[in-house]
């Protein structure tokens, strides 16, 4: 005869090991229970729609990612030209007159390049090849099944909003995405993670969509760290819902790099560019150095990103 303790353990065993299964309809992304449910591809579903949870960083990949960011920061202006100018000044102290002249030329050209990059005419010339797509038409919009909006940066610790919110570039994309969603009635997917910690940018974007523009968001992808991961993780969510044709919303200069990455994931993509860089009708304004420096930096960063993606394809 079993002891009372053993009989009690047998009674408790089913309640400890038995777990009620969770059934999820992949087409609608709606769980059959109110509790949060996770799919096979780490997409989680809650009452507000599907959310990919923040990733648990692997040290090697995180180190390589930061290394890529550091190298880019040293190449891009102003750091790149300034470092070249310092190199030129150092060479100008060499004993050889040839190296002295070479150093002075290098330092001079580096400083002149900084001035040139701040001119609107130069920044516009750099941006023009990056903006080949025209605004999306009503006919093109009707052919898609969903609208994907990519993040473009956060406004951290915003005092007027009581915490983090979307940055200026992201707000431009959100505004245009909300316009397209209202025109078409198609569902929205937001894609952007928490690059340096804190709340995922896509969650901040959802707040703006729903609270400021009154547009409901269906999918939130909150793990991606760059455009390639935007494409990969978003495609998982969309394909699980039977979506293959999307309108991709981002800045006009960004879509030249983003669209091939989404197409590589097997999606049919229609460009929905916003934030075009336009030229002022005033010649004087186009010749004055100033804010155009930031535009030039963005353009050079995009060229580097395109070359980096091509290099990865070769490998």
Protein backbone atom coordinates (compact mmCIF):
# COMPACT_ATOMS: atom_id res chain seq x y z
CA UNK A 1 0.00 0.00 0.00
CA UNK A 2 1.41 3.39 -1.02
CA UNK A 3 2.19 5.90 1.65
CA UNK A 4 -0.01 9.01 2.04
CA UNK A 5 2.88 11.19 0.81
CA UNK A 6 3.27 9.15 -2.38
CA UNK A 7 -0.49 9.26 -3.04
CA UNK A 8 -0.45 13.04 -2.62
CA UNK A 9 2.45 13.35 -5.07
CA UNK A 10 0.53 11.29 -7.67
CA UNK A 11 -2.49 13.57 -7.32
CA UNK A 12 -0.35 16.67 -7.82
CA UNK A 13 1.65 15.30 -10.78
CA UNK A 14 -0.97 15.93 -13.50
CA UNK A 15 -1.48 19.53 -12.41
CA UNK A 16 2.27 20.16 -12.47
CA UNK A 17 3.17 18.55 -15.81
CA UNK A 18 -0.02 19.00 -17.75
CA UNK A 19 -0.27 22.16 -19.79
CA UNK A 20 -3.22 23.24 -21.88
CA UNK A 21 -2.13 23.64 -25.53
CA UNK A 22 -2.38 27.01 -27.22
CA UNK A 23 -3.87 27.05 -30.70
CA UNK A 24 -3.04 29.99 -32.93
CA UNK A 25 -4.64 30.72 -36.28
CA UNK A 26 -1.71 31.78 -38.44
CA UNK A 27 -3.87 33.57 -41.01
CA UNK A 28 -5.47 35.95 -38.55
CA UNK A 29 -2.80 35.96 -35.85
CA UNK A 30 -5.51 35.63 -33.19
CA UNK A 31 -4.97 33.20 -30.27
CA UNK A 32 -7.86 31.07 -29.04
CA UNK A 33 -7.15 32.12 -25.43
CA UNK A 34 -6.74 35.66 -24.12
CA UNK A 35 -3.25 34.89 -22.81
CA UNK A 36 -0.30 35.83 -24.95
CA UNK A 37 0.72 33.05 -27.35
CA UNK A 38 3.98 32.54 -29.22
CA UNK A 39 4.27 31.03 -32.67
CA UNK A 40 6.93 28.72 -34.00
CA UNK A 41 8.89 31.63 -35.45
CA UNK A 42 9.06 33.60 -32.17
CA UNK A 43 6.24 35.92 -33.20
CA UNK A 44 4.07 36.63 -30.19
CA UNK A 45 0.43 37.60 -30.24
CA UNK A 46 -1.33 39.75 -27.70
CA UNK A 47 -4.56 41.70 -27.62
CA UNK A 48 -2.96 44.53 -29.58
CA UNK A 49 -1.74 42.32 -32.41
CA UNK A 50 1.39 40.32 -33.19
CA UNK A 51 4.66 41.44 -31.66
CA UNK A 52 8.13 39.97 -32.15
CA UNK A 53 9.73 40.21 -28.69
CA UNK A 54 13.08 41.97 -28.16
CA UNK A 55 16.01 39.73 -28.99
CA UNK A 56 18.44 38.31 -26.47
CA UNK A 57 21.72 39.57 -27.82
CA UNK A 58 24.55 37.15 -28.56
CA UNK A 59 27.88 38.77 -27.59
CA UNK A 60 29.67 37.98 -30.87
CA UNK A 61 26.96 39.39 -33.12
CA UNK A 62 26.48 42.43 -30.91
CA UNK A 63 30.25 43.07 -30.94
CA UNK A 64 30.38 42.83 -34.74
CA UNK A 65 27.38 45.11 -35.06
CA UNK A 66 29.00 47.78 -32.87
CA UNK A 67 32.25 47.37 -34.80
CA UNK A 68 30.40 48.03 -38.05
CA UNK A 69 28.85 51.17 -36.55
CA UNK A 70 32.23 52.36 -35.27
CA UNK A 71 33.96 51.90 -38.63
CA UNK A 72 31.14 53.75 -40.39
CA UNK A 73 31.36 56.62 -37.91
CA UNK A 74 35.11 56.98 -38.55
CA UNK A 75 34.65 56.98 -42.34
CA UNK A 76 31.64 59.29 -42.57
CA UNK A 77 31.98 63.07 -42.31
CA UNK A 78 32.90 64.93 -40.26
CA UNK A 79 35.16 62.32 -38.62
CA UNK A 80 36.56 60.90 -41.88
CA UNK A 81 37.73 64.18 -43.45
CA UNK A 82 38.98 65.48 -40.10
CA UNK A 83 41.10 62.36 -39.54
CA UNK A 84 42.50 62.70 -43.06
CA UNK A 85 43.34 66.34 -42.34
CA UNK A 86 45.25 65.33 -39.19
CA UNK A 87 47.08 62.69 -41.22
CA UNK A 88 48.00 65.32 -43.77
CA UNK A 89 49.35 67.64 -41.07
CA UNK A 90 51.41 64.81 -39.65
CA UNK A 91 52.84 64.01 -43.09
CA UNK A 92 53.66 67.68 -43.61
CA UNK A 93 56.24 67.38 -40.82
CA UNK A 94 58.19 64.69 -42.66
CA UNK A 95 61.79 65.36 -43.74
CA UNK A 96 61.04 64.62 -47.37
CA UNK A 97 59.73 67.65 -49.23
CA UNK A 98 57.57 65.37 -51.37
CA UNK A 99 55.77 64.03 -48.28
CA UNK A 100 55.41 67.56 -46.94
CA UNK A 101 53.61 68.70 -50.08
CA UNK A 102 51.47 65.54 -50.11
CA UNK A 103 50.48 66.11 -46.49
CA UNK A 104 49.52 69.74 -47.09
CA UNK A 105 47.45 68.79 -50.13
CA UNK A 106 45.69 66.02 -48.16
CA UNK A 107 44.90 68.36 -45.25
CA UNK A 108 43.67 71.10 -47.59
CA UNK A 109 41.44 68.80 -49.66
CA UNK A 110 39.97 67.26 -46.51
CA UNK A 111 38.98 70.65 -45.11
CA UNK A 112 37.64 71.82 -48.49
CA UNK A 113 35.52 68.65 -48.71
CA UNK A 114 33.90 69.52 -45.38
CA UNK A 115 32.93 72.91 -46.75
CA UNK A 116 31.67 71.43 -50.02
CA UNK A 117 29.52 68.82 -48.26
CA UNK A 118 27.72 71.62 -46.40
CA UNK A 119 26.52 73.23 -49.67
CA UNK A 120 22.94 72.42 -50.76
CA UNK A 121 24.01 72.05 -54.38
CA UNK A 122 26.50 69.31 -53.45
CA UNK A 123 24.12 67.49 -51.10
CA UNK A 124 21.38 67.53 -53.75
CA UNK A 125 23.78 66.09 -56.33
CA UNK A 126 24.70 63.30 -53.94
CA UNK A 127 21.07 62.56 -53.12
CA UNK A 128 19.67 62.53 -56.67
CA UNK A 129 20.85 59.00 -57.64
CA UNK A 130 19.46 57.63 -54.37
CA UNK A 131 15.88 58.75 -55.12
CA UNK A 132 14.85 56.89 -58.32
CA UNK A 133 11.32 56.05 -57.14
CA UNK A 134 8.30 58.26 -57.75
CA UNK A 135 5.48 58.66 -55.19
CA UNK A 136 3.12 55.70 -55.08
CA UNK A 137 -0.02 56.03 -57.20
CA UNK A 138 -3.57 55.01 -56.28
CA UNK A 139 -3.40 52.18 -58.83
CA UNK A 140 -0.18 50.81 -57.35
CA UNK A 141 -1.57 51.04 -53.82
CA UNK A 142 -4.61 48.96 -54.74
CA UNK A 143 -2.40 46.03 -55.75
CA UNK A 144 -0.74 45.52 -52.36
CA UNK A 145 -1.97 43.56 -49.35
CA UNK A 146 -0.27 45.45 -46.52
CA UNK A 147 1.74 48.57 -45.75
CA UNK A 148 5.16 48.28 -44.08
CA UNK A 149 6.65 51.34 -42.36
CA UNK A 150 10.32 51.35 -41.33
CA UNK A 151 11.66 53.25 -38.35
CA UNK A 152 14.12 56.10 -38.81
CA UNK A 153 15.31 57.05 -35.32
CA UNK A 154 13.94 57.96 -31.89
CA UNK A 155 13.67 61.13 -29.83
CA UNK A 156 15.01 59.91 -26.49
CA UNK A 157 13.84 61.29 -23.14
CA UNK A 158 11.58 63.87 -24.78
CA UNK A 159 10.58 66.17 -21.91
CA UNK A 160 7.37 67.39 -23.58
CA UNK A 161 6.18 63.78 -24.08
CA UNK A 162 7.38 62.42 -20.76
CA UNK A 163 9.78 59.87 -22.28
CA UNK A 164 10.94 58.34 -25.52
CA UNK A 165 9.02 58.96 -28.73
CA UNK A 166 9.64 58.87 -32.47
CA UNK A 167 12.25 61.14 -34.03
CA UNK A 168 11.67 63.63 -36.82
CA UNK A 169 12.58 61.21 -39.62
CA UNK A 170 10.37 58.48 -38.22
CA UNK A 171 7.50 60.92 -37.82
CA UNK A 172 7.69 61.75 -41.54
CA UNK A 173 7.35 58.04 -42.35
CA UNK A 174 4.57 57.50 -39.82
CA UNK A 175 2.57 60.43 -41.18
CA UNK A 176 2.78 59.13 -44.75
CA UNK A 177 2.06 55.57 -43.65
CA UNK A 178 -1.07 56.75 -41.83
CA UNK A 179 -2.19 58.61 -44.94
CA UNK A 180 -1.80 55.49 -47.11
CA UNK A 181 -3.52 53.29 -44.53
CA UNK A 182 -6.53 55.62 -44.40
CA UNK A 183 -6.72 55.78 -48.18
CA UNK A 184 -6.51 52.02 -48.71
CA UNK A 185 -7.72 50.36 -45.51
CA UNK A 186 -4.81 47.88 -45.70
CA UNK A 187 -3.19 46.59 -42.48
CA UNK A 188 0.03 48.12 -41.14
CA UNK A 189 3.28 46.48 -40.11
CA UNK A 190 5.86 48.53 -38.21
CA UNK A 191 9.48 47.40 -38.14
CA UNK A 192 12.28 48.67 -35.90
CA UNK A 193 13.89 47.42 -32.71
CA UNK A 194 15.67 48.96 -29.73
CA UNK A 195 19.14 49.43 -31.14
CA UNK A 196 20.78 50.73 -27.98
CA UNK A 197 18.29 49.55 -25.36
CA UNK A 198 15.07 51.01 -24.04
CA UNK A 199 11.71 50.65 -25.77
CA UNK A 200 11.56 49.32 -29.30
CA UNK A 201 11.06 52.07 -31.85
CA UNK A 202 8.22 50.15 -33.48
CA UNK A 203 6.29 50.30 -30.21
CA UNK A 204 6.76 54.07 -30.11
CA UNK A 205 5.58 54.23 -33.71
CA UNK A 206 2.45 52.28 -32.83
CA UNK A 207 1.60 54.78 -30.10
CA UNK A 208 1.84 57.66 -32.59
CA UNK A 209 -0.20 55.82 -35.23
CA UNK A 210 -3.01 54.94 -32.84
CA UNK A 211 -3.05 57.93 -30.49
CA UNK A 212 -2.13 60.80 -32.83
CA UNK A 213 -3.40 59.58 -36.21
CA UNK A 214 -6.19 57.25 -35.12
CA UNK A 215 -4.91 54.33 -37.24
CA UNK A 216 -4.79 50.80 -35.83
CA UNK A 217 -1.61 48.76 -36.30
CA UNK A 218 -1.80 45.02 -36.94
CA UNK A 219 1.84 43.89 -36.73
CA UNK A 220 4.77 45.18 -34.68
CA UNK A 221 8.25 43.80 -35.34
CA UNK A 222 10.46 44.88 -32.45
CA UNK A 223 13.74 42.96 -32.86
CA UNK A 224 15.47 44.32 -35.95
CA UNK A 225 18.68 46.34 -35.70
CA UNK A 226 19.20 47.30 -39.33
CA UNK A 227 17.45 47.28 -42.70
CA UNK A 228 18.42 43.68 -43.50
CA UNK A 229 16.78 42.49 -40.28
CA UNK A 230 13.77 44.73 -40.97
CA UNK A 231 13.27 42.75 -44.16
CA UNK A 232 13.96 39.29 -42.75
CA UNK A 233 11.81 39.51 -39.63
CA UNK A 234 8.97 41.42 -41.30
CA UNK A 235 8.78 38.84 -44.08
CA UNK A 236 8.28 36.08 -41.51
CA UNK A 237 5.27 37.83 -40.03
CA UNK A 238 3.76 38.77 -43.38
CA UNK A 239 4.14 35.34 -44.98
CA UNK A 240 2.58 33.69 -41.95
CA UNK A 241 -0.48 35.86 -42.62
CA UNK A 242 -0.49 35.07 -46.34
CA UNK A 243 0.79 38.52 -47.34
CA UNK A 244 3.23 38.67 -50.27
CA UNK A 245 2.67 42.12 -51.79
CA UNK A 246 3.51 45.20 -49.76
CA UNK A 247 3.91 48.95 -50.04
CA UNK A 248 7.18 49.86 -48.34
CA UNK A 249 7.24 53.27 -46.64
CA UNK A 250 10.56 54.93 -45.95
CA UNK A 251 12.52 57.97 -47.05
CA UNK A 252 13.09 58.23 -50.78
CA UNK A 253 16.86 57.99 -50.31
CA UNK A 254 16.53 54.81 -48.21
CA UNK A 255 14.36 52.70 -50.52
CA UNK A 256 17.12 52.07 -53.05
CA UNK A 257 18.83 49.97 -50.37
CA UNK A 258 15.74 48.67 -48.57
CA UNK A 259 13.67 47.33 -51.50
CA UNK A 260 16.25 44.77 -52.73
CA UNK A 261 16.52 43.39 -49.19
CA UNK A 262 12.75 42.89 -48.93
CA UNK A 263 12.58 41.38 -52.42
CA UNK A 264 15.32 38.95 -51.45
CA UNK A 265 12.96 37.67 -48.75
CA UNK A 266 10.41 36.74 -51.40
CA UNK A 267 8.11 39.75 -51.13
CA UNK A 268 6.71 41.79 -54.01
CA UNK A 269 7.47 45.39 -53.10
CA UNK A 270 5.93 48.65 -54.29
CA UNK A 271 7.93 51.73 -53.33
CA UNK A 272 6.11 54.30 -51.19
CA UNK A 273 8.77 56.98 -50.73
CA UNK A 274 8.44 60.07 -48.59
CA UNK A 275 10.78 62.84 -47.45
CA UNK A 276 12.19 63.72 -50.87
CA UNK A 277 15.13 66.13 -50.85
CA UNK A 278 14.09 69.15 -52.88
CA UNK A 279 16.13 72.11 -54.13
CA UNK A 280 15.29 75.63 -53.05
CA UNK A 281 14.34 78.03 -55.88
CA UNK A 282 16.74 80.55 -54.34
CA UNK A 283 20.23 80.32 -55.85
CA UNK A 284 21.72 82.21 -52.90
CA UNK A 285 20.29 79.70 -50.43
CA UNK A 286 21.67 76.81 -52.49
CA UNK A 287 25.16 78.30 -52.29
CA UNK A 288 25.19 78.98 -48.54
CA UNK A 289 26.82 76.29 -46.36
CA UNK A 290 24.83 74.96 -43.44
CA UNK A 291 22.25 72.25 -42.80
CA UNK A 292 22.99 70.51 -46.10
CA UNK A 293 25.98 68.88 -44.40
CA UNK A 294 23.65 66.44 -42.63
CA UNK A 295 22.01 65.56 -45.95
CA UNK A 296 25.40 64.87 -47.51
CA UNK A 297 26.31 62.64 -44.61
CA UNK A 298 23.09 60.64 -45.04
CA UNK A 299 23.81 60.22 -48.75
CA UNK A 300 27.35 58.98 -48.20
CA UNK A 301 26.09 56.58 -45.51
CA UNK A 302 23.56 55.15 -47.97
CA UNK A 303 26.24 54.63 -50.63
CA UNK A 304 28.37 52.81 -48.06
CA UNK A 305 25.37 50.68 -47.08
CA UNK A 306 24.72 49.71 -50.70
CA UNK A 307 28.36 48.79 -51.26
CA UNK A 308 28.38 46.77 -48.04
CA UNK A 309 25.31 44.77 -49.14
CA UNK A 310 26.90 44.07 -52.54
CA UNK A 311 30.09 42.94 -50.81
CA UNK A 312 28.08 40.50 -48.64
CA UNK A 313 26.42 39.09 -51.77
CA UNK A 314 29.81 38.40 -53.33
CA UNK A 315 30.94 36.58 -50.21
